[in-house]
Amino acid sequence: MHKPAALAALVSLSLCAPLVFANPTVPDRLQKVDKVTYCSGMDSPPLVSFDAAQKPVGLTIDLGVEIAKRLGGKKVEWRVIPFSGLVPALLAQQCDMIVDQLFDKPERREVINIVNYMYSSQSVVVPKGNPKGIKSLDDLSGHKVAVLNGSTIKTLLDAQNETLTKAGKPPLKLVVYNTDTDAFQALRISQVDAYGTTVETAGYYANMAPDLFQEGVPAFSRILTGLGIRKGDPQLTAAVQQVISDMRSDGSYTQLLAKWHVESDKLD
């Protein structure tokens, strides 16, 4: 007689109960250590950078710290490496994982594992007012464009030069920098006409200095973005995948993206 009511109460309780996840398995080699070491370029705000007090800040920084916390409460040591040297540093075992805005590309998958945590896109930043009228990649013809060494946008703009040449148009001139800070400084003092970077970094600088910069070419080439782990470290790869899966399920992943105003980049 009372079974339906009891069943309803049980269902109600189960709906209200907090989600419980099994703790990720800590890799054998990390069982007896109290820290993990991350390699990062620390130069892609709002994902990875230093604040005025030289403290690591950003979405990916927070993610890396949360992963360490869920892997047995590990401390985090940051090793700053120029972006183009991140994969070689990881392979040389200078760190346990690359924690940066690492685009998931086939050539990278050949040498390391990548655990995705968001999407990213490319953009082209120009001086406020867009004096050169740059609104598409074709409009970059004949102009100086800053890029970060080892970046995906450099590869894309190299390909754009081939397109321009075939069309009989002057190629763009790529000016390569090792940091975003140097590239934006070059744009600010008119050493270059535009800067190719990620949508996230472009938005960050446009918000920080709205009187100096604006978006020229809107978002293009959307791509998965992840954390890099050595192929010989499958236990860590599995553990990081589980942490991100758990964060997506418990809501902390969405909260993290909202904190850094990049909700549109969330995984599908």
Protein backbone atom coordinates (compact mmCIF):
# COMPACT_ATOMS: atom_id res chain seq x y z
CA MET A 1 0.00 0.00 0.00
CA HIS A 2 2.78 2.44 0.88
CA LYS A 3 5.34 1.30 -1.70
CA PRO A 4 4.57 4.07 -4.25
CA ALA A 5 5.03 6.77 -1.59
CA ALA A 6 8.23 5.16 -0.36
CA LEU A 7 9.54 4.90 -3.92
CA ALA A 8 8.70 8.55 -4.55
CA ALA A 9 10.56 9.56 -1.40
CA LEU A 10 13.56 7.50 -2.44
CA VAL A 11 13.61 9.10 -5.90
CA SER A 12 13.32 12.54 -4.30
CA LEU A 13 16.25 11.83 -2.02
CA SER A 14 18.37 10.53 -4.88
CA LEU A 15 17.69 13.67 -6.91
CA CYS A 16 18.74 15.90 -4.04
CA ALA A 17 21.84 13.90 -3.08
CA PRO A 18 25.19 15.42 -4.06
CA LEU A 19 27.12 13.82 -6.89
CA VAL A 20 29.85 11.49 -5.67
CA PHE A 21 32.84 10.62 -7.84
CA ALA A 22 35.61 8.10 -7.32
CA ASN A 23 38.91 9.85 -6.72
CA PRO A 24 41.22 9.75 -9.76
CA THR A 25 44.01 7.23 -9.47
CA VAL A 26 47.25 9.00 -8.63
CA PRO A 27 50.02 7.79 -10.98
CA ASP A 28 52.52 5.45 -9.34
CA ARG A 29 55.44 7.85 -9.84
CA LEU A 30 53.54 10.64 -8.05
CA GLN A 31 52.37 8.56 -5.10
CA LYS A 32 55.21 9.53 -2.78
CA VAL A 33 55.85 13.13 -3.90
CA ASP A 34 54.10 16.21 -2.57
CA LYS A 35 54.18 18.33 -5.73
CA VAL A 36 53.71 18.32 -9.49
CA THR A 37 55.70 20.47 -11.88
CA TYR A 38 54.02 22.28 -14.76
CA CYS A 39 55.64 23.89 -17.80
CA SER A 40 53.96 27.06 -19.04
CA GLY A 41 54.79 30.07 -21.18
CA MET A 42 52.89 32.30 -18.71
CA ASP A 43 52.14 34.76 -21.49
CA SER A 44 48.61 34.13 -22.75
CA PRO A 45 46.17 36.10 -20.61
CA PRO A 46 43.47 35.48 -19.48
CA LEU A 47 44.51 31.80 -19.48
CA VAL A 48 48.11 31.85 -18.24
CA SER A 49 50.10 34.90 -17.14
CA PHE A 50 51.62 36.68 -14.15
CA ASP A 51 49.79 39.41 -12.28
CA ALA A 52 51.43 42.59 -10.95
CA ALA A 53 52.75 40.66 -7.96
CA GLN A 54 54.27 38.00 -10.25
CA LYS A 55 51.70 35.45 -9.16
CA PRO A 56 50.47 32.96 -11.82
CA VAL A 57 46.85 33.76 -12.72
CA GLY A 58 44.30 32.66 -15.31
CA LEU A 59 41.77 30.02 -16.24
CA THR A 60 44.37 27.39 -17.10
CA ILE A 61 46.35 28.22 -13.96
CA ASP A 62 43.24 27.58 -11.85
CA LEU A 63 42.61 24.35 -13.74
CA GLY A 64 46.16 23.12 -13.15
CA VAL A 65 45.91 23.88 -9.43
CA GLU A 66 42.57 22.07 -9.20
CA ILE A 67 44.01 19.01 -10.96
CA ALA A 68 46.90 18.93 -8.47
CA LYS A 69 44.41 19.24 -5.59
CA ARG A 70 42.36 16.32 -6.87
CA LEU A 71 45.49 14.21 -7.34
CA GLY A 72 46.02 13.89 -3.62
CA GLY A 73 46.47 17.54 -2.65
CA LYS A 74 49.73 18.09 -4.51
CA LYS A 75 51.50 21.44 -4.46
CA VAL A 76 52.29 23.05 -7.82
CA GLU A 77 55.69 24.19 -9.05
CA TRP A 78 55.66 26.35 -12.20
CA ARG A 79 58.50 26.20 -14.70
CA VAL A 80 58.36 29.09 -17.17
CA ILE A 81 59.40 28.07 -20.68
CA PRO A 82 59.01 30.08 -23.93
CA PHE A 83 55.98 28.73 -25.79
CA SER A 84 58.03 27.25 -28.65
CA GLY A 85 60.03 25.24 -26.10
CA LEU A 86 57.14 23.74 -24.12
CA VAL A 87 56.93 20.39 -25.91
CA PRO A 88 60.72 19.85 -25.92
CA ALA A 89 60.82 20.70 -22.18
CA LEU A 90 58.06 18.18 -21.46
CA LEU A 91 59.81 15.47 -23.49
CA ALA A 92 63.04 16.22 -21.61
CA GLN A 93 61.12 15.53 -18.36
CA GLN A 94 61.59 19.06 -17.07
CA CYS A 95 57.96 18.98 -15.95
CA ASP A 96 55.03 16.58 -15.51
CA MET A 97 52.60 18.40 -17.78
CA ILE A 98 52.24 21.41 -20.08
CA VAL A 99 49.66 23.75 -18.56
CA ASP A 100 49.07 26.39 -21.21
CA GLN A 101 46.87 27.20 -24.21
CA LEU A 102 48.07 24.21 -26.22
CA PHE A 103 46.13 23.71 -29.46
CA ASP A 104 45.24 20.12 -30.27
CA LYS A 105 46.94 19.55 -33.63
CA PRO A 106 47.80 16.22 -35.33
CA GLU A 107 51.52 16.94 -35.37
CA ARG A 108 51.48 17.49 -31.61
CA ARG A 109 49.45 14.32 -31.09
CA GLU A 110 52.26 12.42 -32.78
CA VAL A 111 54.68 13.23 -29.97
CA ILE A 112 52.56 13.90 -26.83
CA ASN A 113 49.14 13.17 -25.36
CA ILE A 114 46.69 16.08 -25.15
CA VAL A 115 43.77 16.27 -22.74
CA ASN A 116 41.29 18.88 -23.96
CA TYR A 117 39.68 21.39 -21.61
CA MET A 118 38.19 24.06 -23.92
CA TYR A 119 37.99 25.46 -27.44
CA SER A 120 39.95 28.42 -28.76
CA SER A 121 39.87 30.50 -31.93
CA GLN A 122 42.19 32.90 -33.70
CA SER A 123 41.81 36.65 -34.13
CA VAL A 124 43.73 39.62 -35.51
CA VAL A 125 44.11 42.71 -33.34
CA VAL A 126 44.63 46.18 -34.83
CA PRO A 127 45.09 49.70 -33.42
CA LYS A 128 41.94 51.49 -32.28
CA GLY A 129 40.02 52.85 -35.25
CA ASN A 130 41.52 50.22 -37.57
CA PRO A 131 43.46 52.78 -39.66
CA LYS A 132 44.58 50.18 -42.21
CA GLY A 133 41.04 48.84 -42.74
CA ILE A 134 41.98 45.24 -41.88
CA LYS A 135 38.78 43.19 -41.70
CA SER A 136 39.82 39.89 -43.30
CA LEU A 137 42.96 37.83 -43.79
CA ASP A 138 43.16 39.07 -47.39
CA ASP A 139 43.37 42.63 -46.03
CA LEU A 140 46.68 41.73 -44.37
CA SER A 141 48.34 41.77 -47.81
CA GLY A 142 51.42 44.00 -47.73
CA HIS A 143 51.20 44.68 -43.99
CA LYS A 144 53.48 43.83 -41.07
CA VAL A 145 51.84 41.34 -38.72
CA ALA A 146 53.20 40.30 -35.33
CA VAL A 147 52.91 36.65 -34.25
CA LEU A 148 54.10 34.58 -31.32
CA ASN A 149 56.94 32.19 -32.03
CA GLY A 150 55.68 28.61 -32.35
CA SER A 151 52.03 29.67 -32.46
CA THR A 152 49.25 28.24 -34.61
CA ILE A 153 48.43 31.67 -36.02
CA LYS A 154 51.95 31.84 -37.49
CA THR A 155 51.28 28.61 -39.39
CA LEU A 156 47.91 29.90 -40.58
CA LEU A 157 49.39 33.19 -41.78
CA ASP A 158 52.21 31.37 -43.55
CA ALA A 159 49.47 29.51 -45.44
CA GLN A 160 47.68 32.82 -46.09
CA ASN A 161 50.85 34.13 -47.72
CA GLU A 162 50.73 31.25 -50.19
CA THR A 163 47.12 32.18 -51.01
CA LEU A 164 48.04 35.83 -51.49
CA THR A 165 50.99 34.98 -53.72
CA LYS A 166 48.86 32.72 -55.93
CA ALA A 167 46.35 35.54 -56.26
CA GLY A 168 49.10 37.93 -57.37
CA LYS A 169 48.86 40.03 -54.20
CA PRO A 170 51.77 41.21 -52.02
CA PRO A 171 52.42 38.83 -49.11
CA LEU A 172 52.16 39.96 -45.53
CA LYS A 173 55.36 40.29 -43.52
CA LEU A 174 55.42 38.21 -40.36
CA VAL A 175 57.34 39.68 -37.42
CA VAL A 176 57.97 36.97 -34.81
CA TYR A 177 58.08 37.70 -31.07
CA ASN A 178 58.70 35.44 -28.08
CA THR A 179 56.01 36.99 -25.84
CA ASP A 180 52.56 38.50 -26.23
CA THR A 181 53.73 41.51 -24.25
CA ASP A 182 56.43 42.33 -26.82
CA ALA A 183 54.01 41.81 -29.71
CA PHE A 184 51.38 44.14 -28.27
CA GLN A 185 54.04 46.73 -27.48
CA ALA A 186 55.14 46.59 -31.13
CA LEU A 187 51.53 47.14 -32.20
CA ARG A 188 51.09 50.00 -29.75
CA ILE A 189 54.11 51.92 -31.07
CA SER A 190 53.24 51.13 -34.72
CA GLN A 191 56.17 48.84 -35.45
CA VAL A 192 53.58 46.44 -36.90
CA ASP A 193 50.13 46.97 -38.41
CA ALA A 194 48.37 44.05 -36.70
CA TYR A 195 48.87 41.19 -34.29
CA GLY A 196 47.61 37.64 -34.86
CA THR A 197 46.76 35.87 -31.62
CA THR A 198 44.01 33.90 -29.90
CA VAL A 199 40.52 35.29 -29.39
CA GLU A 200 40.99 35.01 -25.63
CA THR A 201 44.20 37.06 -25.58
CA ALA A 202 42.84 39.54 -28.12
CA GLY A 203 39.77 40.09 -25.95
CA TYR A 204 41.89 40.49 -22.84
CA TYR A 205 44.03 43.26 -24.31
CA ALA A 206 41.07 44.98 -25.97
CA ASN A 207 39.36 45.09 -22.56
CA MET A 208 42.51 46.20 -20.76
CA ALA A 209 43.24 49.00 -23.24
CA PRO A 210 40.01 49.78 -25.16
CA ASP A 211 41.43 53.09 -26.36
CA LEU A 212 44.44 51.38 -27.95
CA PHE A 213 43.30 48.09 -29.50
CA GLN A 214 40.33 46.49 -31.18
CA GLU A 215 39.50 43.33 -33.10
CA GLY A 216 40.19 43.56 -36.82
CA VAL A 217 39.60 40.08 -38.20
CA PRO A 218 36.89 38.29 -36.15
CA ALA A 219 37.23 34.80 -34.69
CA PHE A 220 38.27 32.03 -37.08
CA SER A 221 39.84 28.54 -37.06
CA ARG A 222 38.14 27.20 -33.91
CA ILE A 223 40.20 24.41 -32.39
CA LEU A 224 40.28 22.18 -29.33
CA THR A 225 42.76 23.27 -26.68
CA GLY A 226 44.37 21.10 -24.05
CA LEU A 227 47.07 20.11 -21.58
CA GLY A 228 50.16 18.24 -22.75
CA ILE A 229 51.38 14.99 -21.18
CA ARG A 230 54.13 12.58 -22.28
CA LYS A 231 52.97 9.51 -24.19
CA GLY A 232 54.91 7.39 -21.72
CA ASP A 233 52.74 8.71 -18.89
CA PRO A 234 49.35 7.03 -19.53
CA GLN A 235 48.39 6.98 -15.84
CA LEU A 236 48.63 10.78 -15.59
CA THR A 237 46.76 11.17 -18.87
CA ALA A 238 43.89 9.03 -17.54
CA ALA A 239 43.84 10.82 -14.20
CA VAL A 240 43.70 14.29 -15.79
CA GLN A 241 40.95 13.14 -18.15
CA GLN A 242 38.94 11.93 -15.15
CA VAL A 243 39.44 15.19 -13.24
CA ILE A 244 38.16 17.27 -16.15
CA SER A 245 35.24 14.89 -16.67
CA ASP A 246 34.36 15.14 -12.97
CA MET A 247 34.60 18.94 -13.07
CA ARG A 248 32.23 19.06 -16.02
CA SER A 249 29.78 16.87 -14.09
CA ASP A 250 29.97 18.69 -10.75
CA GLY A 251 29.62 22.17 -12.24
CA SER A 252 33.04 23.50 -11.27
CA TYR A 253 34.18 23.47 -14.93
CA THR A 254 31.38 25.82 -16.00
CA GLN A 255 32.05 28.05 -13.00
CA LEU A 256 35.73 28.26 -13.94
CA LEU A 257 35.01 29.39 -17.51
CA ALA A 258 32.47 31.92 -16.23
CA LYS A 259 35.03 33.33 -13.79
CA TRP A 260 37.33 34.17 -16.72
CA HIS A 261 34.53 35.26 -19.10
CA VAL A 262 35.14 32.58 -21.74
CA GLU A 263 31.93 30.57 -21.41
CA SER A 264 31.59 30.36 -25.20
CA ASP A 265 34.78 28.27 -25.31
CA LYS A 266 33.38 25.39 -23.25
CA LEU A 267 33.65 21.82 -24.47
CA ASP A 268 30.60 20.45 -26.29
